[in-house]
Amino acid sequence: MLSVIENPTRRRILQAISMEPHYTLQLSKELGISQQAIMKNISILERNGFVEGHKEESSIGPERTLYSLTRTFSIRMDMQNGQFISEMWTTSTGPCAVQRDGKALEEIRGEISRIDLELETLERDRLGLVARRGDLMRSFMMGLDGQLDYLQRCVLYESLNHPNNDVTEISRDLNMNEAATREAIEGIKDKCRRVYDE
C-alpha cells in the first residue's frame, strides 16, 4: 500500500476522488496532468483496490468511466531508537452513514471541529504512551548492553516490539528457524537472570 501511495500523482488523484467521483479527463484538467499519465496511475490504483470505475452514459459523447474510492484506510508509523512499528487499518467504502438532517453549514463545521480537537487530544496522549514505551525498551536494553550477540538483540527487539507474538510469529517475522529463535530466547532469559537478579 505504501509503495502505491508514495507516488505524488497518485496521492493527488486520490485526494480529488476522495472529494467526489471523477472522470479521467476531468482529473487531467483539474490536476494539470496528461490524460495518459492519469490513465496509467488510475490503472495502478484500480489494480490495488483503491478505486473502481463505473461506466456512465454521457449526453455529449460516448460512455465515460467515473472513478470512486473503494476503501478507506489509516496508516500509523512509530519510529524511535529500538522501536519501529507500522500498522494499517482499512475498510471498504460503503454508503454514507451520516444522516442528512438539514444542519446548517456552521453546525457541521462546528461538529467537525470538535471531532478534530478530540482526535488531537487522543494523538497527544498516544504520542506520550509511545515515548514511554520507547523509554522502557531503551532502559531495559541498556541494562543488557554488551551481554547479547546480534541475533539475540534482533530477537529481543522483535519480542519487545510485538509483545503479544509467540515464538512462531517472532520466527516468521524475522525469517528465522523456530529452533534458532527458541535458543536465542533462552540465551536472552539466561543473560537477564544474571544481570537483573544480581
N, C-alpha and C. Protein backbone atom coordinates (compact mmCIF):
# COMPACT_ATOMS: atom_id res chain seq x y z
N MET A 1 0.82 -1.19 0.00
CA MET A 1 0.00 0.00 0.00
C MET A 1 0.86 1.26 0.00
N LEU A 2 1.92 1.25 0.82
CA LEU A 2 2.80 2.43 0.87
C LEU A 2 3.47 2.67 -0.47
N SER A 3 3.86 1.60 -1.18
CA SER A 3 4.51 1.78 -2.47
C SER A 3 3.55 2.38 -3.49
N VAL A 4 2.26 2.12 -3.34
CA VAL A 4 1.27 2.68 -4.26
C VAL A 4 1.07 4.17 -3.98
N ILE A 5 0.95 4.53 -2.72
CA ILE A 5 0.62 5.93 -2.40
C ILE A 5 1.84 6.82 -2.24
N GLU A 6 3.06 6.25 -2.36
CA GLU A 6 4.26 7.10 -2.28
C GLU A 6 4.32 8.05 -3.48
N ASN A 7 3.69 7.68 -4.58
CA ASN A 7 3.73 8.49 -5.79
C ASN A 7 2.86 9.73 -5.62
N PRO A 8 3.44 10.94 -5.80
CA PRO A 8 2.66 12.17 -5.57
C PRO A 8 1.48 12.34 -6.53
N THR A 9 1.62 11.85 -7.76
CA THR A 9 0.49 11.95 -8.71
C THR A 9 -0.68 11.11 -8.24
N ARG A 10 -0.39 9.90 -7.75
CA ARG A 10 -1.47 9.03 -7.27
C ARG A 10 -2.12 9.62 -6.03
N ARG A 11 -1.32 10.26 -5.17
CA ARG A 11 -1.90 10.91 -3.99
C ARG A 11 -2.83 12.05 -4.40
N ARG A 12 -2.44 12.83 -5.40
CA ARG A 12 -3.30 13.92 -5.88
C ARG A 12 -4.60 13.38 -6.48
N ILE A 13 -4.48 12.28 -7.21
CA ILE A 13 -5.68 11.65 -7.79
C ILE A 13 -6.60 11.17 -6.67
N LEU A 14 -6.03 10.51 -5.66
CA LEU A 14 -6.84 10.02 -4.54
C LEU A 14 -7.48 11.18 -3.79
N GLN A 15 -6.75 12.26 -3.63
CA GLN A 15 -7.30 13.43 -2.93
C GLN A 15 -8.51 13.97 -3.68
N ALA A 16 -8.40 14.05 -5.01
CA ALA A 16 -9.53 14.55 -5.81
C ALA A 16 -10.72 13.59 -5.74
N ILE A 17 -10.44 12.29 -5.89
CA ILE A 17 -11.54 11.31 -5.90
C ILE A 17 -12.16 11.17 -4.52
N SER A 18 -11.39 11.46 -3.46
CA SER A 18 -11.97 11.37 -2.11
C SER A 18 -13.02 12.46 -1.90
N MET A 19 -12.90 13.58 -2.64
CA MET A 19 -13.92 14.64 -2.54
C MET A 19 -15.19 14.23 -3.26
N GLU A 20 -15.03 13.64 -4.47
CA GLU A 20 -16.18 13.18 -5.24
C GLU A 20 -15.67 12.34 -6.40
N PRO A 21 -16.48 11.46 -6.94
CA PRO A 21 -16.05 10.65 -8.10
C PRO A 21 -15.65 11.56 -9.27
N HIS A 22 -14.68 11.09 -10.05
CA HIS A 22 -14.14 11.88 -11.17
C HIS A 22 -14.00 11.01 -12.41
N TYR A 23 -14.04 11.69 -13.59
CA TYR A 23 -13.68 11.08 -14.86
C TYR A 23 -12.20 11.36 -15.10
N THR A 24 -11.57 10.56 -15.96
CA THR A 24 -10.14 10.77 -16.22
C THR A 24 -9.87 12.12 -16.88
N LEU A 25 -10.70 12.52 -17.83
CA LEU A 25 -10.49 13.81 -18.49
C LEU A 25 -10.63 14.96 -17.48
N GLN A 26 -11.60 14.83 -16.60
CA GLN A 26 -11.81 15.82 -15.55
C GLN A 26 -10.58 15.91 -14.64
N LEU A 27 -10.03 14.75 -14.25
CA LEU A 27 -8.82 14.72 -13.42
C LEU A 27 -7.65 15.38 -14.15
N SER A 28 -7.52 15.06 -15.43
CA SER A 28 -6.44 15.62 -16.23
C SER A 28 -6.50 17.15 -16.23
N LYS A 29 -7.68 17.70 -16.44
CA LYS A 29 -7.83 19.15 -16.47
C LYS A 29 -7.61 19.78 -15.10
N GLU A 30 -8.21 19.18 -14.07
CA GLU A 30 -8.12 19.76 -12.73
C GLU A 30 -6.70 19.70 -12.16
N LEU A 31 -5.99 18.61 -12.44
CA LEU A 31 -4.66 18.42 -11.85
C LEU A 31 -3.54 18.90 -12.76
N GLY A 32 -3.87 19.22 -14.02
CA GLY A 32 -2.83 19.67 -14.95
C GLY A 32 -1.86 18.57 -15.31
N ILE A 33 -2.37 17.36 -15.44
CA ILE A 33 -1.55 16.18 -15.75
C ILE A 33 -2.11 15.56 -17.03
N SER A 34 -1.25 15.03 -17.88
CA SER A 34 -1.73 14.45 -19.14
C SER A 34 -2.72 13.32 -18.86
N GLN A 35 -3.65 13.14 -19.79
CA GLN A 35 -4.65 12.09 -19.62
C GLN A 35 -3.99 10.71 -19.62
N GLN A 36 -2.90 10.56 -20.38
CA GLN A 36 -2.18 9.29 -20.42
C GLN A 36 -1.61 8.97 -19.03
N ALA A 37 -1.02 9.97 -18.37
CA ALA A 37 -0.46 9.76 -17.02
C ALA A 37 -1.58 9.46 -16.03
N ILE A 38 -2.72 10.14 -16.18
CA ILE A 38 -3.86 9.86 -15.29
C ILE A 38 -4.32 8.42 -15.47
N MET A 39 -4.46 7.97 -16.72
CA MET A 39 -4.92 6.60 -17.00
C MET A 39 -3.95 5.57 -16.43
N LYS A 40 -2.64 5.82 -16.59
CA LYS A 40 -1.63 4.89 -16.06
C LYS A 40 -1.76 4.76 -14.55
N ASN A 41 -1.89 5.90 -13.86
CA ASN A 41 -1.96 5.87 -12.40
C ASN A 41 -3.30 5.36 -11.89
N ILE A 42 -4.38 5.67 -12.60
CA ILE A 42 -5.70 5.13 -12.24
C ILE A 42 -5.67 3.61 -12.34
N SER A 43 -5.01 3.10 -13.38
CA SER A 43 -4.90 1.66 -13.57
C SER A 43 -4.21 1.00 -12.37
N ILE A 44 -3.13 1.63 -11.88
CA ILE A 44 -2.41 1.10 -10.71
C ILE A 44 -3.31 1.16 -9.48
N LEU A 45 -4.01 2.28 -9.30
CA LEU A 45 -4.90 2.41 -8.14
C LEU A 45 -6.05 1.41 -8.20
N GLU A 46 -6.56 1.17 -9.39
CA GLU A 46 -7.67 0.22 -9.56
C GLU A 46 -7.19 -1.20 -9.30
N ARG A 47 -6.02 -1.54 -9.84
CA ARG A 47 -5.46 -2.89 -9.67
C ARG A 47 -5.19 -3.20 -8.20
N ASN A 48 -4.86 -2.16 -7.42
CA ASN A 48 -4.55 -2.35 -5.99
C ASN A 48 -5.75 -2.09 -5.08
N GLY A 49 -6.92 -1.93 -5.67
CA GLY A 49 -8.14 -1.85 -4.88
C GLY A 49 -8.44 -0.53 -4.23
N PHE A 50 -7.82 0.56 -4.69
CA PHE A 50 -8.09 1.88 -4.11
C PHE A 50 -9.31 2.54 -4.75
N VAL A 51 -9.47 2.34 -6.05
CA VAL A 51 -10.58 2.97 -6.77
C VAL A 51 -11.24 1.93 -7.67
N GLU A 52 -12.46 2.24 -8.09
CA GLU A 52 -13.12 1.41 -9.09
C GLU A 52 -13.87 2.32 -10.04
N GLY A 53 -14.00 1.84 -11.28
CA GLY A 53 -14.67 2.62 -12.30
C GLY A 53 -16.04 2.08 -12.62
N HIS A 54 -16.97 2.97 -12.91
CA HIS A 54 -18.32 2.62 -13.31
C HIS A 54 -18.63 3.33 -14.61
N LYS A 55 -19.09 2.58 -15.59
CA LYS A 55 -19.45 3.18 -16.88
C LYS A 55 -20.72 4.00 -16.72
N GLU A 56 -20.68 5.19 -17.31
CA GLU A 56 -21.87 6.05 -17.30
C GLU A 56 -22.09 6.63 -18.69
N GLU A 57 -23.34 6.72 -19.07
CA GLU A 57 -23.65 7.33 -20.37
C GLU A 57 -23.41 8.82 -20.29
N SER A 58 -23.01 9.38 -21.43
CA SER A 58 -22.76 10.82 -21.50
C SER A 58 -23.68 11.45 -22.53
N SER A 59 -24.18 12.63 -22.21
CA SER A 59 -25.06 13.32 -23.15
C SER A 59 -24.27 14.00 -24.26
N ILE A 60 -22.94 14.07 -24.10
CA ILE A 60 -22.13 14.78 -25.09
C ILE A 60 -21.18 13.87 -25.86
N GLY A 61 -21.33 12.56 -25.73
CA GLY A 61 -20.44 11.65 -26.45
C GLY A 61 -20.57 10.23 -25.97
N PRO A 62 -19.51 9.43 -26.17
CA PRO A 62 -19.56 8.02 -25.76
C PRO A 62 -19.59 7.85 -24.25
N GLU A 63 -19.82 6.61 -23.83
CA GLU A 63 -19.81 6.29 -22.40
C GLU A 63 -18.50 6.75 -21.76
N ARG A 64 -18.58 7.17 -20.50
CA ARG A 64 -17.39 7.54 -19.75
C ARG A 64 -17.31 6.70 -18.49
N THR A 65 -16.09 6.56 -17.97
CA THR A 65 -15.89 5.81 -16.73
C THR A 65 -15.70 6.80 -15.59
N LEU A 66 -16.53 6.67 -14.58
CA LEU A 66 -16.47 7.52 -13.40
C LEU A 66 -15.78 6.72 -12.30
N TYR A 67 -14.72 7.29 -11.72
CA TYR A 67 -13.93 6.58 -10.70
C TYR A 67 -14.27 7.09 -9.31
N SER A 68 -14.42 6.13 -8.38
CA SER A 68 -14.70 6.47 -6.98
C SER A 68 -13.84 5.59 -6.07
N LEU A 69 -13.72 6.00 -4.81
CA LEU A 69 -12.94 5.23 -3.83
C LEU A 69 -13.62 3.91 -3.51
N THR A 70 -12.80 2.89 -3.25
CA THR A 70 -13.35 1.59 -2.83
C THR A 70 -12.96 1.23 -1.41
N ARG A 71 -12.04 1.99 -0.82
CA ARG A 71 -11.63 1.68 0.56
C ARG A 71 -11.21 2.94 1.29
N THR A 72 -11.27 2.86 2.59
CA THR A 72 -10.71 3.92 3.43
C THR A 72 -9.60 3.27 4.25
N PHE A 73 -8.59 4.04 4.59
CA PHE A 73 -7.51 3.45 5.39
C PHE A 73 -6.81 4.52 6.20
N SER A 74 -6.17 4.06 7.27
CA SER A 74 -5.31 4.90 8.09
C SER A 74 -4.00 4.16 8.27
N ILE A 75 -2.91 4.89 8.22
CA ILE A 75 -1.58 4.31 8.41
C ILE A 75 -0.95 4.99 9.62
N ARG A 76 -0.33 4.16 10.48
CA ARG A 76 0.38 4.70 11.63
C ARG A 76 1.79 4.12 11.63
N MET A 77 2.78 4.98 11.82
CA MET A 77 4.16 4.53 11.87
C MET A 77 4.84 5.20 13.05
N ASP A 78 5.42 4.40 13.94
CA ASP A 78 6.17 4.91 15.08
C ASP A 78 7.60 4.44 14.95
N MET A 79 8.54 5.39 14.97
CA MET A 79 9.95 5.02 14.84
C MET A 79 10.76 5.85 15.82
N GLN A 80 11.52 5.15 16.65
CA GLN A 80 12.49 5.77 17.52
C GLN A 80 13.51 4.71 17.86
N ASN A 81 14.55 5.04 18.58
CA ASN A 81 15.57 4.04 18.89
C ASN A 81 14.94 2.82 19.54
N GLY A 82 15.21 1.68 18.95
CA GLY A 82 14.71 0.42 19.50
C GLY A 82 13.28 0.10 19.12
N GLN A 83 12.63 0.93 18.33
CA GLN A 83 11.22 0.73 18.07
C GLN A 83 10.86 1.13 16.64
N PHE A 84 10.28 0.21 15.91
CA PHE A 84 9.75 0.53 14.59
C PHE A 84 8.47 -0.27 14.41
N ILE A 85 7.36 0.44 14.37
CA ILE A 85 6.06 -0.22 14.22
C ILE A 85 5.27 0.50 13.14
N SER A 86 4.78 -0.25 12.18
CA SER A 86 3.89 0.34 11.19
C SER A 86 2.64 -0.52 11.13
N GLU A 87 1.51 0.13 11.18
CA GLU A 87 0.22 -0.58 11.14
C GLU A 87 -0.73 0.16 10.22
N MET A 88 -1.63 -0.60 9.66
CA MET A 88 -2.61 -0.01 8.76
C MET A 88 -3.97 -0.60 9.07
N TRP A 89 -4.98 0.27 9.02
CA TRP A 89 -6.36 -0.16 9.18
C TRP A 89 -7.08 0.20 7.89
N THR A 90 -7.84 -0.72 7.37
CA THR A 90 -8.54 -0.45 6.12
C THR A 90 -9.95 -1.02 6.16
N THR A 91 -10.85 -0.34 5.49
CA THR A 91 -12.23 -0.83 5.34
C THR A 91 -12.70 -0.49 3.94
N SER A 92 -13.67 -1.22 3.47
CA SER A 92 -14.26 -0.88 2.18
C SER A 92 -15.19 0.30 2.39
N THR A 93 -15.29 1.13 1.37
CA THR A 93 -16.22 2.25 1.48
C THR A 93 -17.62 1.76 1.19
N GLY A 94 -18.57 2.36 1.80
CA GLY A 94 -19.96 2.00 1.58
C GLY A 94 -20.80 3.25 1.55
N PRO A 95 -22.11 3.08 1.60
CA PRO A 95 -22.96 4.26 1.60
C PRO A 95 -22.68 5.14 2.81
N CYS A 96 -22.80 6.41 2.65
CA CYS A 96 -22.55 7.36 3.74
C CYS A 96 -23.55 7.13 4.87
N ALA A 97 -23.01 6.99 6.10
CA ALA A 97 -23.88 6.69 7.24
C ALA A 97 -24.39 7.96 7.93
N VAL A 98 -23.85 9.12 7.56
CA VAL A 98 -24.26 10.37 8.20
C VAL A 98 -25.65 10.76 7.71
N GLN A 99 -26.51 11.07 8.66
CA GLN A 99 -27.86 11.48 8.30
C GLN A 99 -27.86 12.91 7.79
N ARG A 100 -28.50 13.14 6.68
CA ARG A 100 -28.62 14.49 6.14
C ARG A 100 -29.86 15.13 6.78
N ASP A 101 -29.66 15.75 7.93
CA ASP A 101 -30.82 16.26 8.67
C ASP A 101 -30.98 17.77 8.53
N GLY A 102 -30.40 18.33 7.49
CA GLY A 102 -30.61 19.75 7.23
C GLY A 102 -29.80 20.67 8.12
N LYS A 103 -28.75 20.15 8.79
CA LYS A 103 -27.94 21.02 9.64
C LYS A 103 -27.28 22.08 8.78
N ALA A 104 -27.19 23.25 9.32
CA ALA A 104 -26.56 24.37 8.61
C ALA A 104 -25.06 24.14 8.52
N LEU A 105 -24.44 24.79 7.57
CA LEU A 105 -23.01 24.66 7.33
C LEU A 105 -22.20 24.90 8.60
N GLU A 106 -22.51 25.96 9.34
CA GLU A 106 -21.73 26.27 10.55
C GLU A 106 -21.88 25.20 11.62
N GLU A 107 -23.06 24.59 11.72
CA GLU A 107 -23.23 23.49 12.68
C GLU A 107 -22.35 22.31 12.32
N ILE A 108 -22.31 21.97 11.03
CA ILE A 108 -21.48 20.86 10.57
C ILE A 108 -20.01 21.17 10.81
N ARG A 109 -19.59 22.39 10.47
CA ARG A 109 -18.19 22.78 10.69
C ARG A 109 -17.85 22.72 12.18
N GLY A 110 -18.77 23.13 13.04
CA GLY A 110 -18.53 23.08 14.47
C GLY A 110 -18.37 21.65 14.96
N GLU A 111 -19.22 20.76 14.46
CA GLU A 111 -19.14 19.36 14.86
C GLU A 111 -17.82 18.73 14.40
N ILE A 112 -17.41 19.04 13.16
CA ILE A 112 -16.13 18.52 12.65
C ILE A 112 -14.98 19.09 13.46
N SER A 113 -15.05 20.36 13.85
CA SER A 113 -14.01 20.98 14.67
C SER A 113 -13.89 20.27 16.02
N ARG A 114 -15.03 19.92 16.64
CA ARG A 114 -15.00 19.19 17.92
C ARG A 114 -14.35 17.81 17.75
N ILE A 115 -14.67 17.15 16.65
CA ILE A 115 -14.06 15.84 16.38
C ILE A 115 -12.55 15.99 16.19
N ASP A 116 -12.13 17.03 15.45
CA ASP A 116 -10.70 17.26 15.24
C ASP A 116 -9.97 17.51 16.55
N LEU A 117 -10.58 18.29 17.46
CA LEU A 117 -9.96 18.54 18.76
C LEU A 117 -9.82 17.25 19.57
N GLU A 118 -10.84 16.42 19.51
CA GLU A 118 -10.79 15.14 20.23
C GLU A 118 -9.69 14.25 19.64
N LEU A 119 -9.57 14.23 18.32
CA LEU A 119 -8.51 13.44 17.67
C LEU A 119 -7.13 13.97 18.05
N GLU A 120 -6.96 15.29 18.12
CA GLU A 120 -5.68 15.87 18.53
C GLU A 120 -5.32 15.47 19.95
N THR A 121 -6.30 15.48 20.85
CA THR A 121 -6.07 15.08 22.24
C THR A 121 -5.65 13.62 22.30
N LEU A 122 -6.36 12.77 21.57
CA LEU A 122 -6.01 11.35 21.53
C LEU A 122 -4.60 11.14 20.97
N GLU A 123 -4.25 11.90 19.95
CA GLU A 123 -2.92 11.77 19.34
C GLU A 123 -1.83 12.20 20.31
N ARG A 124 -2.05 13.30 21.04
CA ARG A 124 -1.06 13.73 22.04
C ARG A 124 -0.89 12.65 23.12
N ASP A 125 -2.00 12.09 23.59
CA ASP A 125 -1.93 11.02 24.58
C ASP A 125 -1.19 9.81 24.02
N ARG A 126 -1.49 9.48 22.76
CA ARG A 126 -0.85 8.32 22.13
C ARG A 126 0.66 8.54 22.00
N LEU A 127 1.07 9.76 21.59
CA LEU A 127 2.50 10.05 21.46
C LEU A 127 3.21 9.95 22.80
N GLY A 128 2.54 10.36 23.88
CA GLY A 128 3.12 10.22 25.22
C GLY A 128 3.34 8.76 25.58
N LEU A 129 2.37 7.91 25.24
CA LEU A 129 2.50 6.47 25.51
C LEU A 129 3.60 5.85 24.65
N VAL A 130 3.71 6.29 23.39
CA VAL A 130 4.77 5.78 22.51
C VAL A 130 6.14 6.14 23.09
N ALA A 131 6.29 7.37 23.60
CA ALA A 131 7.56 7.78 24.20
C ALA A 131 7.87 6.95 25.44
N ARG A 132 6.84 6.71 26.26
CA ARG A 132 7.04 5.90 27.47
C ARG A 132 7.45 4.48 27.11
N ARG A 133 6.80 3.94 26.08
CA ARG A 133 7.12 2.59 25.59
C ARG A 133 8.59 2.54 25.15
N GLY A 134 9.03 3.57 24.40
CA GLY A 134 10.41 3.63 23.94
C GLY A 134 11.40 3.73 25.09
N ASP A 135 11.05 4.53 26.11
CA ASP A 135 11.92 4.65 27.29
C ASP A 135 12.08 3.31 28.00
N LEU A 136 10.98 2.56 28.13
CA LEU A 136 11.05 1.25 28.77
C LEU A 136 11.98 0.31 28.00
N MET A 137 11.83 0.31 26.68
CA MET A 137 12.67 -0.56 25.85
C MET A 137 14.13 -0.16 25.95
N ARG A 138 14.42 1.15 25.86
CA ARG A 138 15.81 1.62 25.91
C ARG A 138 16.46 1.29 27.25
N SER A 139 15.75 1.55 28.33
CA SER A 139 16.36 1.31 29.65
C SER A 139 16.61 -0.19 29.87
N PHE A 140 15.70 -1.02 29.38
CA PHE A 140 15.89 -2.47 29.52
C PHE A 140 17.09 -2.92 28.69
N MET A 141 17.18 -2.42 27.44
CA MET A 141 18.27 -2.82 26.57
C MET A 141 19.62 -2.31 27.10
N MET A 142 19.62 -1.11 27.68
CA MET A 142 20.87 -0.57 28.22
C MET A 142 21.39 -1.44 29.36
N GLY A 143 20.48 -2.01 30.12
CA GLY A 143 20.89 -2.90 31.21
C GLY A 143 21.59 -4.15 30.71
N LEU A 144 21.28 -4.51 29.46
CA LEU A 144 21.90 -5.71 28.87
C LEU A 144 23.03 -5.35 27.91
N ASP A 145 23.46 -4.09 27.92
CA ASP A 145 24.47 -3.62 26.98
C ASP A 145 25.71 -4.51 27.03
N GLY A 146 26.11 -5.02 25.86
CA GLY A 146 27.30 -5.86 25.77
C GLY A 146 27.08 -7.30 26.16
N GLN A 147 25.88 -7.64 26.62
CA GLN A 147 25.62 -9.01 27.09
C GLN A 147 25.07 -9.93 25.99
N LEU A 148 24.47 -9.34 24.95
CA LEU A 148 23.79 -10.14 23.91
C LEU A 148 24.52 -10.04 22.58
N ASP A 149 24.49 -11.15 21.83
CA ASP A 149 25.03 -11.08 20.47
C ASP A 149 23.97 -10.47 19.54
N TYR A 150 24.35 -10.25 18.28
CA TYR A 150 23.45 -9.55 17.34
C TYR A 150 22.13 -10.29 17.16
N LEU A 151 22.19 -11.60 16.98
CA LEU A 151 20.97 -12.39 16.78
C LEU A 151 20.03 -12.27 17.98
N GLN A 152 20.59 -12.35 19.18
CA GLN A 152 19.78 -12.22 20.40
C GLN A 152 19.15 -10.82 20.48
N ARG A 153 19.93 -9.79 20.11
CA ARG A 153 19.37 -8.43 20.13
C ARG A 153 18.21 -8.30 19.15
N CYS A 154 18.35 -8.90 17.96
CA CYS A 154 17.25 -8.85 16.97
C CYS A 154 16.00 -9.53 17.51
N VAL A 155 16.18 -10.69 18.11
CA VAL A 155 15.03 -11.42 18.67
C VAL A 155 14.42 -10.64 19.82
N LEU A 156 15.26 -10.03 20.66
CA LEU A 156 14.74 -9.26 21.79
C LEU A 156 13.97 -8.03 21.31
N TYR A 157 14.52 -7.29 20.33
CA TYR A 157 13.80 -6.14 19.78
C TYR A 157 12.44 -6.57 19.22
N GLU A 158 12.44 -7.67 18.48
CA GLU A 158 11.19 -8.14 17.87
C GLU A 158 10.18 -8.54 18.96
N SER A 159 10.65 -9.21 20.01
CA SER A 159 9.72 -9.65 21.06
C SER A 159 9.21 -8.47 21.89
N LEU A 160 10.02 -7.42 22.03
CA LEU A 160 9.56 -6.23 22.75
C LEU A 160 8.64 -5.38 21.89
N ASN A 161 8.94 -5.30 20.59
CA ASN A 161 8.09 -4.51 19.70
C ASN A 161 6.73 -5.17 19.46
N HIS A 162 6.68 -6.49 19.60
CA HIS A 162 5.42 -7.23 19.40
C HIS A 162 5.24 -8.18 20.59
N PRO A 163 4.95 -7.63 21.78
CA PRO A 163 4.94 -8.45 22.99
C PRO A 163 3.86 -9.53 23.04
N ASN A 164 2.87 -9.46 22.16
CA ASN A 164 1.82 -10.49 22.15
C ASN A 164 2.11 -11.62 21.18
N ASN A 165 3.21 -11.52 20.43
CA ASN A 165 3.56 -12.57 19.48
C ASN A 165 4.25 -13.73 20.19
N ASP A 166 3.96 -14.94 19.73
CA ASP A 166 4.63 -16.11 20.28
C ASP A 166 5.89 -16.41 19.46
N VAL A 167 6.59 -17.48 19.83
CA VAL A 167 7.87 -17.82 19.18
C VAL A 167 7.68 -18.06 17.68
N THR A 168 6.59 -18.71 17.32
CA THR A 168 6.33 -18.99 15.90
C THR A 168 6.19 -17.69 15.12
N GLU A 169 5.45 -16.74 15.66
CA GLU A 169 5.25 -15.45 14.97
C GLU A 169 6.54 -14.63 14.92
N ILE A 170 7.32 -14.66 16.00
CA ILE A 170 8.61 -13.96 16.01
C ILE A 170 9.53 -14.55 14.96
N SER A 171 9.57 -15.88 14.88
CA SER A 171 10.40 -16.56 13.88
C SER A 171 9.99 -16.17 12.47
N ARG A 172 8.69 -16.16 12.24
CA ARG A 172 8.18 -15.81 10.91
C ARG A 172 8.54 -14.37 10.55
N ASP A 173 8.35 -13.45 11.49
CA ASP A 173 8.63 -12.04 11.21
C ASP A 173 10.11 -11.77 10.97
N LEU A 174 10.97 -12.55 11.63
CA LEU A 174 12.41 -12.39 11.45
C LEU A 174 12.97 -13.31 10.36
N ASN A 175 12.09 -14.13 9.78
CA ASN A 175 12.51 -15.09 8.76
C ASN A 175 13.60 -16.01 9.31
N MET A 176 13.33 -16.53 10.52
CA MET A 176 14.29 -17.38 11.22
C MET A 176 13.71 -18.76 11.46
N ASN A 177 14.59 -19.73 11.63
CA ASN A 177 14.20 -21.07 12.04
C ASN A 177 13.66 -20.99 13.47
N GLU A 178 12.55 -21.67 13.74
CA GLU A 178 11.93 -21.57 15.06
C GLU A 178 12.84 -22.09 16.17
N ALA A 179 13.60 -23.16 15.89
CA ALA A 179 14.51 -23.71 16.90
C ALA A 179 15.59 -22.68 17.25
N ALA A 180 16.09 -21.97 16.25
CA ALA A 180 17.12 -20.95 16.49
C ALA A 180 16.53 -19.80 17.31
N THR A 181 15.26 -19.47 17.04
CA THR A 181 14.61 -18.40 17.79
C THR A 181 14.45 -18.81 19.25
N ARG A 182 14.01 -20.05 19.48
CA ARG A 182 13.86 -20.54 20.86
C ARG A 182 15.21 -20.52 21.60
N GLU A 183 16.26 -20.93 20.91
CA GLU A 183 17.59 -20.94 21.51
C GLU A 183 18.03 -19.51 21.86
N ALA A 184 17.76 -18.56 20.97
CA ALA A 184 18.11 -17.17 21.24
C ALA A 184 17.33 -16.65 22.44
N ILE A 185 16.05 -16.99 22.53
CA ILE A 185 15.22 -16.54 23.65
C ILE A 185 15.73 -17.11 24.97
N GLU A 186 16.11 -18.38 24.97
CA GLU A 186 16.66 -18.99 26.19
C GLU A 186 17.96 -18.29 26.60
N GLY A 187 18.79 -17.95 25.61
CA GLY A 187 20.03 -17.22 25.90
C GLY A 187 19.74 -15.84 26.49
N ILE A 188 18.73 -15.17 25.95
CA ILE A 188 18.34 -13.85 26.45
C ILE A 188 17.85 -13.97 27.90
N LYS A 189 17.00 -14.96 28.16
CA LYS A 189 16.47 -15.15 29.52
C LYS A 189 17.60 -15.43 30.50
N ASP A 190 18.56 -16.22 30.07
CA ASP A 190 19.70 -16.56 30.94
C ASP A 190 20.50 -15.29 31.27
N LYS A 191 20.76 -14.46 30.24
CA LYS A 191 21.51 -13.21 30.47
C LYS A 191 20.70 -12.27 31.37
N CYS A 192 19.37 -12.21 31.17
CA CYS A 192 18.52 -11.36 32.00
C CYS A 192 18.58 -11.79 33.46
N ARG A 193 18.54 -13.11 33.69
CA ARG A 193 18.62 -13.61 35.08
C ARG A 193 19.93 -13.18 35.72
N ARG A 194 21.02 -13.28 34.97
CA ARG A 194 22.33 -12.93 35.52
C ARG A 194 22.44 -11.43 35.80
N VAL A 195 21.91 -10.61 34.86
CA VAL A 195 22.04 -9.16 35.01
C VAL A 195 21.07 -8.61 36.03
N TYR A 196 19.79 -9.00 35.92
CA TYR A 196 18.74 -8.37 36.73
C TYR A 196 18.51 -9.05 38.07
N ASP A 197 19.04 -10.26 38.25
CA ASP A 197 18.87 -10.93 39.54
C ASP A 197 20.09 -10.75 40.44
N GLU A 198 21.11 -10.05 39.86
CA GLU A 198 22.32 -9.85 40.69
C GLU A 198 22.03 -8.91 41.86
